[in-house]
Amino acid sequence: MAITHVQLLSLPVSDQDRARAFYVDVLGFDLVRDNPMGSGARWVQVAPKGTATSISLVTWFPTMPPGSVKGLVLETDDLEGDVADLVAKGVAIEGGIQTQPWGRFVTFEDPDGNGIVLQQTAPA
């Protein structure tokens, strides 16, 4: 097989404008695309700065209800700084920073309840 990378993850949301604001304004992602798709649908695509993998904020998959994704893992080089920034922007961080042998992390949810893990992996 010649698979080279994960290009896109579809993330189910109920309101694309609200989700776009969260991922762009709160998490600092780049807005890759926001285009009409016809039939009233819209393609909203965001990505962490400088990454190859992006996220499409989708509303049209009946088998993917908003908030059903758990365990979207984001990596950071500054966990404390990012947590302080998230809290200042009103994001609830339950349980604070957790420590494991592989690194440290926090968990929180997007406005629809999709579960996000923000982690800083320990050096090898």
PDB file of N, CA and C in Angstrom:
ATOM      1  N   MET A   1       0.840  -1.184   0.000  1.00  0.00           N
ATOM      2  CA  MET A   1       0.000   0.000   0.000  1.00  0.00           C
ATOM      3  C   MET A   1       0.885   1.248   0.000  1.00  0.00           C
ATOM      4  N   ALA A   2       0.361   2.309  -0.566  1.00  0.00           N
ATOM      5  CA  ALA A   2       1.135   3.539  -0.699  1.00  0.00           C
ATOM      6  C   ALA A   2       0.494   4.707   0.049  1.00  0.00           C
ATOM      7  N   ILE A   3      -0.150   4.421   1.175  1.00  0.00           N
ATOM      8  CA  ILE A   3      -0.770   5.487   1.969  1.00  0.00           C
ATOM      9  C   ILE A   3       0.339   6.334   2.592  1.00  0.00           C
ATOM     10  N   THR A   4       0.225   7.644   2.454  1.00  0.00           N
ATOM     11  CA  THR A   4       1.284   8.522   2.941  1.00  0.00           C
ATOM     12  C   THR A   4       0.917   9.330   4.187  1.00  0.00           C
ATOM     13  N   HIS A   5      -0.380   9.608   4.379  1.00  0.00           N
ATOM     14  CA  HIS A   5      -0.779  10.372   5.556  1.00  0.00           C
ATOM     15  C   HIS A   5      -2.301  10.418   5.675  1.00  0.00           C
ATOM     16  N   VAL A   6      -2.765  10.851   6.815  1.00  0.00           N
ATOM     17  CA  VAL A   6      -4.189  11.101   6.991  1.00  0.00           C
ATOM     18  C   VAL A   6      -4.445  12.505   6.477  1.00  0.00           C
ATOM     19  N   GLN A   7      -5.321  12.633   5.499  1.00  0.00           N
ATOM     20  CA  GLN A   7      -5.585  13.946   4.903  1.00  0.00           C
ATOM     21  C   GLN A   7      -6.653  14.711   5.662  1.00  0.00           C
ATOM     22  N   LEU A   8      -7.754  14.024   6.018  1.00  0.00           N
ATOM     23  CA  LEU A   8      -8.920  14.729   6.532  1.00  0.00           C
ATOM     24  C   LEU A   8      -9.691  13.852   7.509  1.00  0.00           C
ATOM     25  N   LEU A   9     -10.188  14.466   8.549  1.00  0.00           N
ATOM     26  CA  LEU A   9     -11.073  13.817   9.505  1.00  0.00           C
ATOM     27  C   LEU A   9     -12.385  14.588   9.498  1.00  0.00           C
ATOM     28  N   SER A  10     -13.515  13.877   9.365  1.00  0.00           N
ATOM     29  CA  SER A  10     -14.822  14.525   9.444  1.00  0.00           C
ATOM     30  C   SER A  10     -15.254  14.558  10.902  1.00  0.00           C
ATOM     31  N   LEU A  11     -15.578  15.735  11.390  1.00  0.00           N
ATOM     32  CA  LEU A  11     -15.980  15.923  12.780  1.00  0.00           C
ATOM     33  C   LEU A  11     -17.430  16.398  12.802  1.00  0.00           C
ATOM     34  N   PRO A  12     -18.343  15.632  13.419  1.00  0.00           N
ATOM     35  CA  PRO A  12     -19.759  15.995  13.383  1.00  0.00           C
ATOM     36  C   PRO A  12     -20.094  17.137  14.346  1.00  0.00           C
ATOM     37  N   VAL A  13     -20.727  18.166  13.802  1.00  0.00           N
ATOM     38  CA  VAL A  13     -21.125  19.332  14.590  1.00  0.00           C
ATOM     39  C   VAL A  13     -22.573  19.691  14.258  1.00  0.00           C
ATOM     40  N   SER A  14     -23.215  20.437  15.130  1.00  0.00           N
ATOM     41  CA  SER A  14     -24.602  20.834  14.875  1.00  0.00           C
ATOM     42  C   SER A  14     -24.698  22.199  14.211  1.00  0.00           C
ATOM     43  N   ASP A  15     -23.700  23.046  14.425  1.00  0.00           N
ATOM     44  CA  ASP A  15     -23.720  24.415  13.915  1.00  0.00           C
ATOM     45  C   ASP A  15     -22.325  24.730  13.383  1.00  0.00           C
ATOM     46  N   GLN A  16     -22.187  24.813  12.082  1.00  0.00           N
ATOM     47  CA  GLN A  16     -20.864  25.025  11.487  1.00  0.00           C
ATOM     48  C   GLN A  16     -20.271  26.379  11.847  1.00  0.00           C
ATOM     49  N   ASP A  17     -21.084  27.419  11.974  1.00  0.00           N
ATOM     50  CA  ASP A  17     -20.547  28.730  12.350  1.00  0.00           C
ATOM     51  C   ASP A  17     -19.962  28.697  13.759  1.00  0.00           C
ATOM     52  N   ARG A  18     -20.699  28.093  14.696  1.00  0.00           N
ATOM     53  CA  ARG A  18     -20.217  27.997  16.078  1.00  0.00           C
ATOM     54  C   ARG A  18     -18.958  27.139  16.149  1.00  0.00           C
ATOM     55  N   ALA A  19     -18.950  26.010  15.438  1.00  0.00           N
ATOM     56  CA  ALA A  19     -17.783  25.130  15.430  1.00  0.00           C
ATOM     57  C   ALA A  19     -16.580  25.819  14.782  1.00  0.00           C
ATOM     58  N   ARG A  20     -16.825  26.503  13.677  1.00  0.00           N
ATOM     59  CA  ARG A  20     -15.745  27.243  13.009  1.00  0.00           C
ATOM     60  C   ARG A  20     -15.136  28.263  13.967  1.00  0.00           C
ATOM     61  N   ALA A  21     -15.958  29.010  14.672  1.00  0.00           N
ATOM     62  CA  ALA A  21     -15.459  30.004  15.627  1.00  0.00           C
ATOM     63  C   ALA A  21     -14.624  29.337  16.717  1.00  0.00           C
ATOM     64  N   PHE A  22     -15.060  28.188  17.208  1.00  0.00           N
ATOM     65  CA  PHE A  22     -14.303  27.493  18.261  1.00  0.00           C
ATOM     66  C   PHE A  22     -12.944  27.033  17.748  1.00  0.00           C
ATOM     67  N   TYR A  23     -12.939  26.350  16.612  1.00  0.00           N
ATOM     68  CA  TYR A  23     -11.679  25.790  16.118  1.00  0.00           C
ATOM     69  C   TYR A  23     -10.720  26.870  15.606  1.00  0.00           C
ATOM     70  N   VAL A  24     -11.236  27.940  15.044  1.00  0.00           N
ATOM     71  CA  VAL A  24     -10.376  29.008  14.527  1.00  0.00           C
ATOM     72  C   VAL A  24     -10.031  30.025  15.622  1.00  0.00           C
ATOM     73  N   ASP A  25     -11.029  30.553  16.311  1.00  0.00           N
ATOM     74  CA  ASP A  25     -10.789  31.638  17.276  1.00  0.00           C
ATOM     75  C   ASP A  25     -10.287  31.152  18.631  1.00  0.00           C
ATOM     76  N   VAL A  26     -10.743  29.986  19.067  1.00  0.00           N
ATOM     77  CA  VAL A  26     -10.331  29.479  20.382  1.00  0.00           C
ATOM     78  C   VAL A  26      -9.087  28.606  20.269  1.00  0.00           C
ATOM     79  N   LEU A  27      -9.110  27.616  19.369  1.00  0.00           N
ATOM     80  CA  LEU A  27      -7.961  26.716  19.242  1.00  0.00           C
ATOM     81  C   LEU A  27      -6.865  27.262  18.332  1.00  0.00           C
ATOM     82  N   GLY A  28      -7.155  28.290  17.547  1.00  0.00           N
ATOM     83  CA  GLY A  28      -6.129  28.902  16.709  1.00  0.00           C
ATOM     84  C   GLY A  28      -5.855  28.165  15.407  1.00  0.00           C
ATOM     85  N   PHE A  29      -6.783  27.320  14.966  1.00  0.00           N
ATOM     86  CA  PHE A  29      -6.605  26.614  13.704  1.00  0.00           C
ATOM     87  C   PHE A  29      -6.733  27.600  12.547  1.00  0.00           C
ATOM     88  N   ASP A  30      -6.133  27.235  11.422  1.00  0.00           N
ATOM     89  CA  ASP A  30      -6.325  27.983  10.181  1.00  0.00           C
ATOM     90  C   ASP A  30      -7.641  27.574   9.541  1.00  0.00           C
ATOM     91  N   LEU A  31      -8.329  28.516   8.930  1.00  0.00           N
ATOM     92  CA  LEU A  31      -9.493  28.205   8.109  1.00  0.00           C
ATOM     93  C   LEU A  31      -8.960  27.848   6.726  1.00  0.00           C
ATOM     94  N   VAL A  32      -9.126  26.596   6.331  1.00  0.00           N
ATOM     95  CA  VAL A  32      -8.637  26.120   5.038  1.00  0.00           C
ATOM     96  C   VAL A  32      -9.647  26.449   3.940  1.00  0.00           C
ATOM     97  N   ARG A  33     -10.954  26.176   4.231  1.00  0.00           N
ATOM     98  CA  ARG A  33     -12.013  26.394   3.248  1.00  0.00           C
ATOM     99  C   ARG A  33     -13.336  26.625   3.950  1.00  0.00           C
ATOM    100  N   ASP A  34     -14.143  27.452   3.367  1.00  0.00           N
ATOM    101  CA  ASP A  34     -15.539  27.612   3.778  1.00  0.00           C
ATOM    102  C   ASP A  34     -16.307  27.916   2.497  1.00  0.00           C
ATOM    103  N   ASN A  35     -16.843  26.841   1.886  1.00  0.00           N
ATOM    104  CA  ASN A  35     -17.488  26.966   0.576  1.00  0.00           C
ATOM    105  C   ASN A  35     -18.861  26.311   0.575  1.00  0.00           C
ATOM    106  N   PRO A  36     -19.819  26.895  -0.181  1.00  0.00           N
ATOM    107  CA  PRO A  36     -21.105  26.221  -0.365  1.00  0.00           C
ATOM    108  C   PRO A  36     -20.905  24.941  -1.172  1.00  0.00           C
ATOM    109  N   MET A  37     -21.727  23.925  -0.871  1.00  0.00           N
ATOM    110  CA  MET A  37     -21.641  22.647  -1.586  1.00  0.00           C
ATOM    111  C   MET A  37     -22.899  22.365  -2.390  1.00  0.00           C
ATOM    112  N   GLY A  38     -23.888  23.248  -2.362  1.00  0.00           N
ATOM    113  CA  GLY A  38     -25.154  22.974  -3.029  1.00  0.00           C
ATOM    114  C   GLY A  38     -26.136  22.358  -2.046  1.00  0.00           C
ATOM    115  N   SER A  39     -27.414  22.451  -2.357  1.00  0.00           N
ATOM    116  CA  SER A  39     -28.483  21.922  -1.499  1.00  0.00           C
ATOM    117  C   SER A  39     -28.412  22.494  -0.085  1.00  0.00           C
ATOM    118  N   GLY A  40     -27.892  23.699   0.063  1.00  0.00           N
ATOM    119  CA  GLY A  40     -27.806  24.334   1.373  1.00  0.00           C
ATOM    120  C   GLY A  40     -26.676  23.829   2.240  1.00  0.00           C
ATOM    121  N   ALA A  41     -25.895  22.861   1.765  1.00  0.00           N
ATOM    122  CA  ALA A  41     -24.773  22.328   2.536  1.00  0.00           C
ATOM    123  C   ALA A  41     -23.548  23.224   2.364  1.00  0.00           C
ATOM    124  N   ARG A  42     -22.614  23.070   3.276  1.00  0.00           N
ATOM    125  CA  ARG A  42     -21.422  23.915   3.287  1.00  0.00           C
ATOM    126  C   ARG A  42     -20.210  23.078   3.668  1.00  0.00           C
ATOM    127  N   TRP A  43     -19.087  23.337   3.025  1.00  0.00           N
ATOM    128  CA  TRP A  43     -17.829  22.655   3.343  1.00  0.00           C
ATOM    129  C   TRP A  43     -16.993  23.612   4.185  1.00  0.00           C
ATOM    130  N   VAL A  44     -16.803  23.265   5.455  1.00  0.00           N
ATOM    131  CA  VAL A  44     -15.980  24.065   6.351  1.00  0.00           C
ATOM    132  C   VAL A  44     -14.820  23.179   6.793  1.00  0.00           C
ATOM    133  N   GLN A  45     -13.604  23.612   6.460  1.00  0.00           N
ATOM    134  CA  GLN A  45     -12.401  22.818   6.720  1.00  0.00           C
ATOM    135  C   GLN A  45     -11.398  23.663   7.492  1.00  0.00           C
ATOM    136  N   VAL A  46     -10.885  23.113   8.598  1.00  0.00           N
ATOM    137  CA  VAL A  46      -9.919  23.803   9.445  1.00  0.00           C
ATOM    138  C   VAL A  46      -8.721  22.886   9.682  1.00  0.00           C
ATOM    139  N   ALA A  47      -7.597  23.488  10.091  1.00  0.00           N
ATOM    140  CA  ALA A  47      -6.401  22.684  10.347  1.00  0.00           C
ATOM    141  C   ALA A  47      -5.483  23.408  11.321  1.00  0.00           C
ATOM    142  N   PRO A  48      -4.797  22.657  12.182  1.00  0.00           N
ATOM    143  CA  PRO A  48      -3.753  23.285  12.983  1.00  0.00           C
ATOM    144  C   PRO A  48      -2.705  23.891  12.049  1.00  0.00           C
ATOM    145  N   LYS A  49      -2.147  24.994  12.448  1.00  0.00           N
ATOM    146  CA  LYS A  49      -1.167  25.689  11.613  1.00  0.00           C
ATOM    147  C   LYS A  49      -0.010  24.758  11.222  1.00  0.00           C
ATOM    148  N   GLY A  50       0.274  24.724   9.918  1.00  0.00           N
ATOM    149  CA  GLY A  50       1.428  23.987   9.422  1.00  0.00           C
ATOM    150  C   GLY A  50       1.289  22.479   9.350  1.00  0.00           C
ATOM    151  N   THR A  51       0.074  21.942   9.453  1.00  0.00           N
ATOM    152  CA  THR A  51      -0.083  20.491   9.405  1.00  0.00           C
ATOM    153  C   THR A  51      -0.684  20.037   8.088  1.00  0.00           C
ATOM    154  N   ALA A  52      -0.480  18.769   7.771  1.00  0.00           N
ATOM    155  CA  ALA A  52      -1.041  18.194   6.550  1.00  0.00           C
ATOM    156  C   ALA A  52      -2.464  17.695   6.763  1.00  0.00           C
ATOM    157  N   THR A  53      -2.792  17.303   7.982  1.00  0.00           N
ATOM    158  CA  THR A  53      -4.119  16.767   8.272  1.00  0.00           C
ATOM    159  C   THR A  53      -5.062  17.887   8.667  1.00  0.00           C
ATOM    160  N   SER A  54      -6.270  17.863   8.094  1.00  0.00           N
ATOM    161  CA  SER A  54      -7.256  18.880   8.434  1.00  0.00           C
ATOM    162  C   SER A  54      -8.548  18.220   8.898  1.00  0.00           C
ATOM    163  N   ILE A  55      -9.472  19.052   9.351  1.00  0.00           N
ATOM    164  CA  ILE A  55     -10.756  18.600   9.890  1.00  0.00           C
ATOM    165  C   ILE A  55     -11.868  19.278   9.111  1.00  0.00           C
ATOM    166  N   SER A  56     -12.834  18.485   8.677  1.00  0.00           N
ATOM    167  CA  SER A  56     -14.030  19.029   8.051  1.00  0.00           C
ATOM    168  C   SER A  56     -15.143  19.019   9.094  1.00  0.00           C
ATOM    169  N   LEU A  57     -15.756  20.163   9.306  1.00  0.00           N
ATOM    170  CA  LEU A  57     -16.837  20.306  10.287  1.00  0.00           C
ATOM    171  C   LEU A  57     -18.137  19.984   9.577  1.00  0.00           C
ATOM    172  N   VAL A  58     -18.647  18.764   9.774  1.00  0.00           N
ATOM    173  CA  VAL A  58     -19.751  18.242   8.983  1.00  0.00           C
ATOM    174  C   VAL A  58     -21.070  18.216   9.755  1.00  0.00           C
ATOM    175  N   THR A  59     -22.154  18.385   8.997  1.00  0.00           N
ATOM    176  CA  THR A  59     -23.500  18.338   9.570  1.00  0.00           C
ATOM    177  C   THR A  59     -24.383  17.330   8.848  1.00  0.00           C
ATOM    178  N   TRP A  60     -23.875  16.650   7.849  1.00  0.00           N
ATOM    179  CA  TRP A  60     -24.731  15.883   6.948  1.00  0.00           C
ATOM    180  C   TRP A  60     -24.639  14.367   7.069  1.00  0.00           C
ATOM    181  N   PHE A  61     -23.942  13.815   8.038  1.00  0.00           N
ATOM    182  CA  PHE A  61     -23.877  12.365   8.187  1.00  0.00           C
ATOM    183  C   PHE A  61     -24.825  11.913   9.298  1.00  0.00           C
ATOM    184  N   PRO A  62     -25.949  11.297   8.953  1.00  0.00           N
ATOM    185  CA  PRO A  62     -26.908  10.890   9.985  1.00  0.00           C
ATOM    186  C   PRO A  62     -26.350   9.864  10.969  1.00  0.00           C
ATOM    187  N   THR A  63     -25.347   9.106  10.556  1.00  0.00           N
ATOM    188  CA  THR A  63     -24.765   8.108  11.458  1.00  0.00           C
ATOM    189  C   THR A  63     -23.671   8.703  12.347  1.00  0.00           C
ATOM    190  N   MET A  64     -23.405  10.001  12.201  1.00  0.00           N
ATOM    191  CA  MET A  64     -22.402  10.692  13.015  1.00  0.00           C
ATOM    192  C   MET A  64     -23.064  11.879  13.713  1.00  0.00           C
ATOM    193  N   PRO A  65     -23.742  11.640  14.821  1.00  0.00           N
ATOM    194  CA  PRO A  65     -24.395  12.765  15.492  1.00  0.00           C
ATOM    195  C   PRO A  65     -23.369  13.719  16.103  1.00  0.00           C
ATOM    196  N   PRO A  66     -23.692  15.003  16.162  1.00  0.00           N
ATOM    197  CA  PRO A  66     -22.798  15.971  16.794  1.00  0.00           C
ATOM    198  C   PRO A  66     -22.417  15.516  18.200  1.00  0.00           C
ATOM    199  N   GLY A  67     -21.144  15.640  18.511  1.00  0.00           N
ATOM    200  CA  GLY A  67     -20.656  15.267  19.835  1.00  0.00           C
ATOM    201  C   GLY A  67     -20.279  13.809  19.970  1.00  0.00           C
ATOM    202  N   SER A  68     -20.345  13.030  18.904  1.00  0.00           N
ATOM    203  CA  SER A  68     -20.092  11.594  19.002  1.00  0.00           C
ATOM    204  C   SER A  68     -18.615  11.211  18.897  1.00  0.00           C
ATOM    205  N   VAL A  69     -17.764  12.142  18.541  1.00  0.00           N
ATOM    206  CA  VAL A  69     -16.334  11.828  18.450  1.00  0.00           C
ATOM    207  C   VAL A  69     -15.690  12.045  19.814  1.00  0.00           C
ATOM    208  N   LYS A  70     -14.950  11.059  20.279  1.00  0.00           N
ATOM    209  CA  LYS A  70     -14.210  11.158  21.532  1.00  0.00           C
ATOM    210  C   LYS A  70     -12.774  10.780  21.239  1.00  0.00           C
ATOM    211  N   GLY A  71     -11.838  11.516  21.790  1.00  0.00           N
ATOM    212  CA  GLY A  71     -10.444  11.147  21.617  1.00  0.00           C
ATOM    213  C   GLY A  71      -9.748  11.784  20.436  1.00  0.00           C
ATOM    214  N   LEU A  72     -10.186  12.965  19.998  1.00  0.00           N
ATOM    215  CA  LEU A  72      -9.420  13.718  19.009  1.00  0.00           C
ATOM    216  C   LEU A  72      -8.194  14.246  19.754  1.00  0.00           C
ATOM    217  N   VAL A  73      -7.014  13.770  19.401  1.00  0.00           N
ATOM    218  CA  VAL A  73      -5.797  14.097  20.141  1.00  0.00           C
ATOM    219  C   VAL A  73      -4.999  15.155  19.381  1.00  0.00           C
ATOM    220  N   LEU A  74      -4.715  16.249  20.075  1.00  0.00           N
ATOM    221  CA  LEU A  74      -3.917  17.348  19.538  1.00  0.00           C
ATOM    222  C   LEU A  74      -2.618  17.429  20.326  1.00  0.00           C
ATOM    223  N   GLU A  75      -1.514  17.643  19.649  1.00  0.00           N
ATOM    224  CA  GLU A  75      -0.200  17.736  20.288  1.00  0.00           C
ATOM    225  C   GLU A  75       0.196  19.192  20.446  1.00  0.00           C
ATOM    226  N   THR A  76       0.862  19.501  21.556  1.00  0.00           N
ATOM    227  CA  THR A  76       1.364  20.848  21.809  1.00  0.00           C
ATOM    228  C   THR A  76       2.786  20.791  22.345  1.00  0.00           C
ATOM    229  N   ASP A  77       3.527  21.876  22.165  1.00  0.00           N
ATOM    230  CA  ASP A  77       4.856  22.020  22.756  1.00  0.00           C
ATOM    231  C   ASP A  77       4.810  22.846  24.031  1.00  0.00           C
ATOM    232  N   ASP A  78       3.636  23.399  24.368  1.00  0.00           N
ATOM    233  CA  ASP A  78       3.490  24.267  25.537  1.00  0.00           C
ATOM    234  C   ASP A  78       2.138  24.011  26.207  1.00  0.00           C
ATOM    235  N   LEU A  79       2.044  22.905  26.921  1.00  0.00           N
ATOM    236  CA  LEU A  79       0.775  22.517  27.523  1.00  0.00           C
ATOM    237  C   LEU A  79       0.278  23.565  28.516  1.00  0.00           C
ATOM    238  N   GLU A  80       1.133  24.031  29.415  1.00  0.00           N
ATOM    239  CA  GLU A  80       0.700  25.023  30.401  1.00  0.00           C
ATOM    240  C   GLU A  80       0.197  26.298  29.746  1.00  0.00           C
ATOM    241  N   GLY A  81       0.929  26.795  28.764  1.00  0.00           N
ATOM    242  CA  GLY A  81       0.537  28.015  28.070  1.00  0.00           C
ATOM    243  C   GLY A  81      -0.766  27.850  27.320  1.00  0.00           C
ATOM    244  N   ASP A  82      -0.931  26.714  26.651  1.00  0.00           N
ATOM    245  CA  ASP A  82      -2.165  26.476  25.904  1.00  0.00           C
ATOM    246  C   ASP A  82      -3.357  26.293  26.839  1.00  0.00           C
ATOM    247  N   VAL A  83      -3.150  25.619  27.968  1.00  0.00           N
ATOM    248  CA  VAL A  83      -4.236  25.451  28.933  1.00  0.00           C
ATOM    249  C   VAL A  83      -4.649  26.810  29.487  1.00  0.00           C
ATOM    250  N   ALA A  84      -3.684  27.640  29.844  1.00  0.00           N
ATOM    251  CA  ALA A  84      -4.005  28.982  30.359  1.00  0.00           C
ATOM    252  C   ALA A  84      -4.784  29.779  29.313  1.00  0.00           C
ATOM    253  N   ASP A  85      -4.389  29.678  28.057  1.00  0.00           N
ATOM    254  CA  ASP A  85      -5.083  30.380  26.976  1.00  0.00           C
ATOM    255  C   ASP A  85      -6.508  29.859  26.811  1.00  0.00           C
ATOM    256  N   LEU A  86      -6.672  28.542  26.827  1.00  0.00           N
ATOM    257  CA  LEU A  86      -8.012  27.958  26.700  1.00  0.00           C
ATOM    258  C   LEU A  86      -8.928  28.387  27.844  1.00  0.00           C
ATOM    259  N   VAL A  87      -8.415  28.341  29.060  1.00  0.00           N
ATOM    260  CA  VAL A  87      -9.215  28.737  30.229  1.00  0.00           C
ATOM    261  C   VAL A  87      -9.603  30.213  30.126  1.00  0.00           C
ATOM    262  N   ALA A  88      -8.660  31.056  29.685  1.00  0.00           N
ATOM    263  CA  ALA A  88      -8.956  32.485  29.515  1.00  0.00           C
ATOM    264  C   ALA A  88     -10.036  32.714  28.465  1.00  0.00           C
ATOM    265  N   LYS A  89     -10.150  31.783  27.515  1.00  0.00           N
ATOM    266  CA  LYS A  89     -11.173  31.894  26.468  1.00  0.00           C
ATOM    267  C   LYS A  89     -12.468  31.178  26.854  1.00  0.00           C
ATOM    268  N   GLY A  90     -12.548  30.705  28.104  1.00  0.00           N
ATOM    269  CA  GLY A  90     -13.784  30.116  28.610  1.00  0.00           C
ATOM    270  C   GLY A  90     -13.946  28.617  28.425  1.00  0.00           C
ATOM    271  N   VAL A  91     -12.896  27.922  28.028  1.00  0.00           N
ATOM    272  CA  VAL A  91     -12.983  26.474  27.850  1.00  0.00           C
ATOM    273  C   VAL A  91     -12.819  25.804  29.215  1.00  0.00           C
ATOM    274  N   ALA A  92     -13.740  24.909  29.543  1.00  0.00           N
ATOM    275  CA  ALA A  92     -13.683  24.170  30.807  1.00  0.00           C
ATOM    276  C   ALA A  92     -12.703  23.012  30.672  1.00  0.00           C
ATOM    277  N   ILE A  93     -11.688  23.009  31.529  1.00  0.00           N
ATOM    278  CA  ILE A  93     -10.695  21.934  31.582  1.00  0.00           C
ATOM    279  C   ILE A  93     -10.968  21.158  32.867  1.00  0.00           C
ATOM    280  N   GLU A  94     -11.616  20.013  32.743  1.00  0.00           N
ATOM    281  CA  GLU A  94     -11.956  19.202  33.914  1.00  0.00           C
ATOM    282  C   GLU A  94     -10.734  18.415  34.380  1.00  0.00           C
ATOM    283  N   GLY A  95     -10.435  18.465  35.665  1.00  0.00           N
ATOM    284  CA  GLY A  95      -9.369  17.643  36.218  1.00  0.00           C
ATOM    285  C   GLY A  95      -7.966  18.192  36.067  1.00  0.00           C
ATOM    286  N   GLY A  96      -7.795  19.301  35.384  1.00  0.00           N
ATOM    287  CA  GLY A  96      -6.462  19.891  35.236  1.00  0.00           C
ATOM    288  C   GLY A  96      -5.522  19.019  34.429  1.00  0.00           C
ATOM    289  N   ILE A  97      -4.247  19.342  34.527  1.00  0.00           N
ATOM    290  CA  ILE A  97      -3.221  18.611  33.776  1.00  0.00           C
ATOM    291  C   ILE A  97      -2.964  17.267  34.444  1.00  0.00           C
ATOM    292  N   GLN A  98      -3.037  16.216  33.650  1.00  0.00           N
ATOM    293  CA  GLN A  98      -2.777  14.846  34.104  1.00  0.00           C
ATOM    294  C   GLN A  98      -1.387  14.432  33.623  1.00  0.00           C
ATOM    295  N   THR A  99      -0.706  13.616  34.411  1.00  0.00           N
ATOM    296  CA  THR A  99       0.632  13.151  34.053  1.00  0.00           C
ATOM    297  C   THR A  99       0.638  11.638  33.916  1.00  0.00           C
ATOM    298  N   GLN A 100       1.252  11.173  32.833  1.00  0.00           N
ATOM    299  CA  GLN A 100       1.440   9.744  32.575  1.00  0.00           C
ATOM    300  C   GLN A 100       2.898   9.530  32.180  1.00  0.00           C
ATOM    301  N   PRO A 101       3.375   8.285  32.173  1.00  0.00           N
ATOM    302  CA  PRO A 101       4.775   8.046  31.786  1.00  0.00           C
ATOM    303  C   PRO A 101       5.118   8.578  30.388  1.00  0.00           C
ATOM    304  N   TRP A 102       4.137   8.602  29.484  1.00  0.00           N
ATOM    305  CA  TRP A 102       4.379   9.033  28.099  1.00  0.00           C
ATOM    306  C   TRP A 102       4.284  10.545  27.912  1.00  0.00           C
ATOM    307  N   GLY A 103       3.746  11.271  28.910  1.00  0.00           N
ATOM    308  CA  GLY A 103       3.615  12.715  28.784  1.00  0.00           C
ATOM    309  C   GLY A 103       2.503  13.262  29.662  1.00  0.00           C
ATOM    310  N   ARG A 104       2.058  14.478  29.352  1.00  0.00           N
ATOM    311  CA  ARG A 104       1.016  15.143  30.135  1.00  0.00           C
ATOM    312  C   ARG A 104      -0.109  15.564  29.199  1.00  0.00           C
ATOM    313  N   PHE A 105      -1.324  15.702  29.762  1.00  0.00           N
ATOM    314  CA  PHE A 105      -2.470  16.018  28.917  1.00  0.00           C
ATOM    315  C   PHE A 105      -3.609  16.628  29.721  1.00  0.00           C
ATOM    316  N   VAL A 106      -4.528  17.245  28.995  1.00  0.00           N
ATOM    317  CA  VAL A 106      -5.813  17.689  29.537  1.00  0.00           C
ATOM    318  C   VAL A 106      -6.896  17.233  28.571  1.00  0.00           C
ATOM    319  N   THR A 107      -8.113  17.181  29.072  1.00  0.00           N
ATOM    320  CA  THR A 107      -9.242  16.866  28.208  1.00  0.00           C
ATOM    321  C   THR A 107     -10.279  17.978  28.311  1.00  0.00           C
ATOM    322  N   PHE A 108     -10.960  18.205  27.205  1.00  0.00           N
ATOM    323  CA  PHE A 108     -12.040  19.187  27.168  1.00  0.00           C
ATOM    324  C   PHE A 108     -12.941  18.847  25.992  1.00  0.00           C
ATOM    325  N   GLU A 109     -14.006  19.603  25.827  1.00  0.00           N
ATOM    326  CA  GLU A 109     -14.953  19.340  24.748  1.00  0.00           C
ATOM    327  C   GLU A 109     -15.143  20.578  23.889  1.00  0.00           C
ATOM    328  N   ASP A 110     -15.471  20.336  22.615  1.00  0.00           N
ATOM    329  CA  ASP A 110     -15.865  21.443  21.744  1.00  0.00           C
ATOM    330  C   ASP A 110     -17.320  21.794  22.066  1.00  0.00           C
ATOM    331  N   PRO A 111     -17.900  22.805  21.451  1.00  0.00           N
ATOM    332  CA  PRO A 111     -19.265  23.215  21.793  1.00  0.00           C
ATOM    333  C   PRO A 111     -20.329  22.131  21.594  1.00  0.00           C
ATOM    334  N   ASP A 112     -20.051  21.109  20.783  1.00  0.00           N
ATOM    335  CA  ASP A 112     -21.009  20.027  20.575  1.00  0.00           C
ATOM    336  C   ASP A 112     -20.776  18.834  21.489  1.00  0.00           C
ATOM    337  N   GLY A 113     -19.697  18.852  22.258  1.00  0.00           N
ATOM    338  CA  GLY A 113     -19.396  17.727  23.136  1.00  0.00           C
ATOM    339  C   GLY A 113     -18.420  16.723  22.552  1.00  0.00           C
ATOM    340  N   ASN A 114     -17.836  17.013  21.384  1.00  0.00           N
ATOM    341  CA  ASN A 114     -16.776  16.151  20.877  1.00  0.00           C
ATOM    342  C   ASN A 114     -15.594  16.247  21.840  1.00  0.00           C
ATOM    343  N   GLY A 115     -15.058  15.094  22.231  1.00  0.00           N
ATOM    344  CA  GLY A 115     -13.981  15.055  23.220  1.00  0.00           C
ATOM    345  C   GLY A 115     -12.620  15.286  22.611  1.00  0.00           C
ATOM    346  N   ILE A 116     -11.860  16.196  23.207  1.00  0.00           N
ATOM    347  CA  ILE A 116     -10.536  16.556  22.710  1.00  0.00           C
ATOM    348  C   ILE A 116      -9.511  16.317  23.811  1.00  0.00           C
ATOM    349  N   VAL A 117      -8.375  15.745  23.418  1.00  0.00           N
ATOM    350  CA  VAL A 117      -7.238  15.570  24.309  1.00  0.00           C
ATOM    351  C   VAL A 117      -6.130  16.478  23.788  1.00  0.00           C
ATOM    352  N   LEU A 118      -5.625  17.347  24.654  1.00  0.00           N
ATOM    353  CA  LEU A 118      -4.475  18.184  24.308  1.00  0.00           C
ATOM    354  C   LEU A 118      -3.305  17.625  25.093  1.00  0.00           C
ATOM    355  N   GLN A 119      -2.293  17.158  24.385  1.00  0.00           N
ATOM    356  CA  GLN A 119      -1.192  16.489  25.063  1.00  0.00           C
ATOM    357  C   GLN A 119       0.158  17.072  24.696  1.00  0.00           C
ATOM    358  N   GLN A 120       1.094  16.886  25.617  1.00  0.00           N
ATOM    359  CA  GLN A 120       2.492  17.210  25.372  1.00  0.00           C
ATOM    360  C   GLN A 120       3.262  15.931  25.678  1.00  0.00           C
ATOM    361  N   THR A 121       3.740  15.286  24.625  1.00  0.00           N
ATOM    362  CA  THR A 121       4.437  14.014  24.756  1.00  0.00           C
ATOM    363  C   THR A 121       5.801  14.243  25.366  1.00  0.00           C
ATOM    364  N   ALA A 122       6.164  13.359  26.308  1.00  0.00           N
ATOM    365  CA  ALA A 122       7.476  13.443  26.952  1.00  0.00           C
ATOM    366  C   ALA A 122       8.574  13.088  25.946  1.00  0.00           C
ATOM    367  N   PRO A 123       9.740  13.729  26.088  1.00  0.00           N
ATOM    368  CA  PRO A 123      10.853  13.377  25.200  1.00  0.00           C
ATOM    369  C   PRO A 123      11.212  11.894  25.357  1.00  0.00           C
ATOM    370  N   ALA A 124      11.640  11.289  24.275  1.00  0.00           N
ATOM    371  CA  ALA A 124      11.998   9.844  24.316  1.00  0.00           C
ATOM    372  C   ALA A 124      13.266   9.615  25.112  1.00  0.00           C
TER     373      ALA A 124
END
